[in-house]
Protein backbone atom coordinates (compact mmCIF):
# COMPACT_ATOMS: atom_id res chain seq x y z
CA MET A 1 -0.20 -0.09 0.05
CA LYS A 2 2.40 2.28 0.94
CA GLN A 3 4.75 1.71 -2.17
CA THR A 4 1.61 2.30 -4.34
CA LEU A 5 1.19 5.48 -3.18
CA ILE A 6 4.71 6.42 -3.29
CA ALA A 7 4.37 5.35 -7.07
CA VAL A 8 1.08 7.48 -7.78
CA VAL A 9 2.36 9.85 -6.13
CA ALA A 10 5.33 10.00 -8.04
CA LEU A 11 4.26 9.83 -11.19
CA SER A 12 1.68 13.15 -10.66
CA ALA A 13 4.61 14.34 -10.12
CA ILE A 14 6.39 13.22 -13.30
CA SER A 15 2.73 13.83 -15.07
CA ALA A 16 2.70 17.62 -13.76
CA ALA A 17 6.80 18.18 -14.64
CA ALA A 18 5.51 17.02 -18.38
CA ILE A 19 2.50 19.16 -18.53
CA ALA A 20 4.34 22.42 -17.61
CA GLU A 21 7.28 21.86 -19.85
CA ASP A 22 4.80 21.32 -22.72
CA PHE A 23 3.60 25.17 -22.52
CA PRO A 24 5.71 28.41 -22.56
CA PRO A 25 5.13 30.64 -19.78
CA LEU A 26 1.73 32.84 -20.26
CA GLN A 27 2.76 36.69 -21.49
CA ARG A 28 0.43 39.39 -21.22
CA VAL A 29 0.61 41.83 -23.37
CA PRO A 30 -0.59 46.07 -22.60
CA VAL A 31 -3.45 46.66 -25.28
CA LEU A 32 -5.11 49.15 -22.97
CA GLU A 33 -4.27 51.75 -20.38
CA GLU A 34 -6.41 54.65 -19.47
CA ALA A 35 -6.98 57.28 -16.78
CA ILE A 36 -10.59 57.17 -15.76
CA PRO A 37 -12.00 61.18 -16.03
CA SER A 38 -13.29 62.26 -13.11
CA THR A 39 -16.48 62.38 -14.74
CA ASN A 40 -17.19 59.26 -14.37
CA PRO A 41 -18.74 58.19 -11.65
CA PRO A 42 -17.66 55.82 -8.82
CA VAL A 43 -16.88 52.44 -10.74
CA LYS A 44 -19.35 49.99 -8.51
CA LEU A 45 -20.32 47.86 -11.37
CA VAL A 46 -19.51 46.73 -14.71
CA ARG A 47 -21.64 45.94 -17.28
CA GLY A 48 -20.29 44.09 -20.77
CA ALA A 49 -22.64 43.88 -24.25
CA ARG A 50 -22.02 42.49 -27.33
CA ILE A 51 -22.79 44.82 -30.18
CA ARG A 52 -23.62 43.74 -33.66
CA PHE A 53 -23.32 46.14 -37.17
CA ALA A 54 -24.76 45.85 -40.24
CA PRO A 55 -22.61 46.50 -43.14
CA ARG A 56 -22.05 50.33 -42.98
CA GLN A 57 -23.92 50.94 -39.70
CA PRO A 58 -23.17 53.94 -37.75
CA THR A 59 -23.52 54.31 -34.39
CA GLY A 60 -24.36 58.32 -34.47
CA LEU A 61 -23.03 61.29 -32.52
CA HIS A 62 -22.90 60.05 -28.65
CA ARG A 63 -21.74 60.38 -25.82
CA HIS A 64 -21.51 58.26 -22.19
CA PRO A 65 -22.54 59.37 -19.05
CA ILE A 66 -19.85 56.71 -17.81
CA SER A 67 -16.18 55.33 -19.34
CA VAL A 68 -16.28 52.42 -21.95
CA ALA A 69 -13.45 50.22 -22.69
CA GLY A 70 -14.07 47.19 -25.08
CA VAL A 71 -12.46 45.38 -27.98
CA VAL A 72 -13.48 44.40 -31.49
CA THR A 73 -14.21 40.88 -31.88
CA ALA A 74 -14.94 40.81 -35.66
CA GLY A 75 -14.58 43.20 -38.76
CA SER A 76 -13.75 47.06 -38.46
CA PHE A 77 -14.72 49.95 -37.26
CA VAL A 78 -13.92 54.49 -38.18
CA PHE A 79 -13.53 55.51 -34.47
CA GLU A 80 -12.90 59.23 -34.06
CA ARG A 81 -13.50 60.55 -30.68
CA GLU A 82 -13.94 64.43 -29.93
CA GLY A 83 -10.81 66.52 -30.81
CA GLU A 84 -9.26 63.35 -32.19
CA PRO A 85 -8.08 62.02 -35.43
CA GLU A 86 -10.42 59.02 -36.96
CA LYS A 87 -8.54 56.05 -37.06
CA VAL A 88 -9.28 52.48 -38.21
CA ILE A 89 -10.02 49.87 -35.21
CA LYS A 90 -9.90 46.31 -36.48
CA THR A 91 -10.57 42.62 -34.75
CA GLY A 92 -8.38 42.14 -31.80
CA ASP A 93 -7.74 45.90 -31.09
CA SER A 94 -9.20 47.59 -27.80
CA PHE A 95 -11.27 51.21 -27.32
CA PHE A 96 -11.88 53.40 -25.09
CA GLU A 97 -14.30 56.39 -24.48
CA PRO A 98 -14.02 58.44 -21.57
CA ALA A 99 -17.29 60.00 -19.24
CA GLY A 100 -18.34 63.07 -20.99
CA VAL A 101 -16.33 62.92 -24.07
CA ALA A 102 -18.12 62.71 -27.78
CA THR A 103 -17.48 60.13 -29.78
CA GLU A 104 -18.29 62.02 -33.11
CA ARG A 105 -18.01 58.32 -35.11
CA PHE A 106 -18.31 54.55 -34.43
CA ASP A 107 -19.24 53.43 -37.45
CA ASN A 108 -18.52 49.98 -39.11
CA ALA A 109 -16.47 50.48 -41.91
CA SER A 110 -16.86 47.69 -43.99
CA ALA A 111 -19.97 48.31 -46.59
CA THR A 112 -19.78 44.47 -46.90
CA GLU A 113 -19.51 42.86 -43.60
CA PRO A 114 -21.38 43.19 -40.22
CA ALA A 115 -18.68 43.71 -37.45
CA GLU A 116 -19.09 43.48 -33.82
CA LEU A 117 -17.34 44.45 -30.55
CA ILE A 118 -17.36 43.62 -26.72
CA ALA A 119 -18.21 46.77 -24.70
CA PHE A 120 -17.57 47.19 -21.12
CA TYR A 121 -19.61 49.92 -18.96
CA LEU A 122 -18.02 51.56 -16.27
CA THR A 123 -20.72 52.56 -13.98
CA ASP A 124 -22.16 53.18 -10.40
CA SER A 125 -25.61 51.34 -10.62
CA LYS A 126 -27.08 49.23 -13.28
CA ASP A 127 -29.80 51.86 -13.67
CA ARG A 128 -27.73 54.34 -15.02
CA ALA A 129 -28.29 55.07 -19.09
CA LEU A 130 -25.00 53.67 -20.98
CA ILE A 131 -25.42 56.24 -23.53
CA GLU A 132 -26.58 59.29 -24.63
CA MET A 133 -27.77 59.78 -28.52
CA LEU A 134 -26.62 63.69 -29.39
CA GLY A 135 -28.04 64.20 -32.93
CA SER A 136 -25.88 64.83 -35.89
CA LYS A 137 -22.84 66.39 -36.47
């Protein structure tokens, strides 16, 4: 019985060592670092949403009363925050929309393919509005 236990422990250690050698160490590559503006309420809740866009679909001029961070999960978008040049963000790219700053464009960049993103809203309650539409430019 004692020899069986020793054999099991030894095999477990060998198996664990073999598994550890099969994988490289995890790497954390920074993709986003933004300061939360003072206009953001104290963050007590993170709400996430998957948002799908039809080809050519715009978001429209808007701002958020809370900051939003996210990642493009399919396709690409034309993204323009107030006071900054527009840029194209693609699958795997992150984005940040600070509380109180207008987003002039967040539009599907493709005329033929859908696009998708996942947004995380940094809010203080589930009752706070996530977006405020501002009309046209």
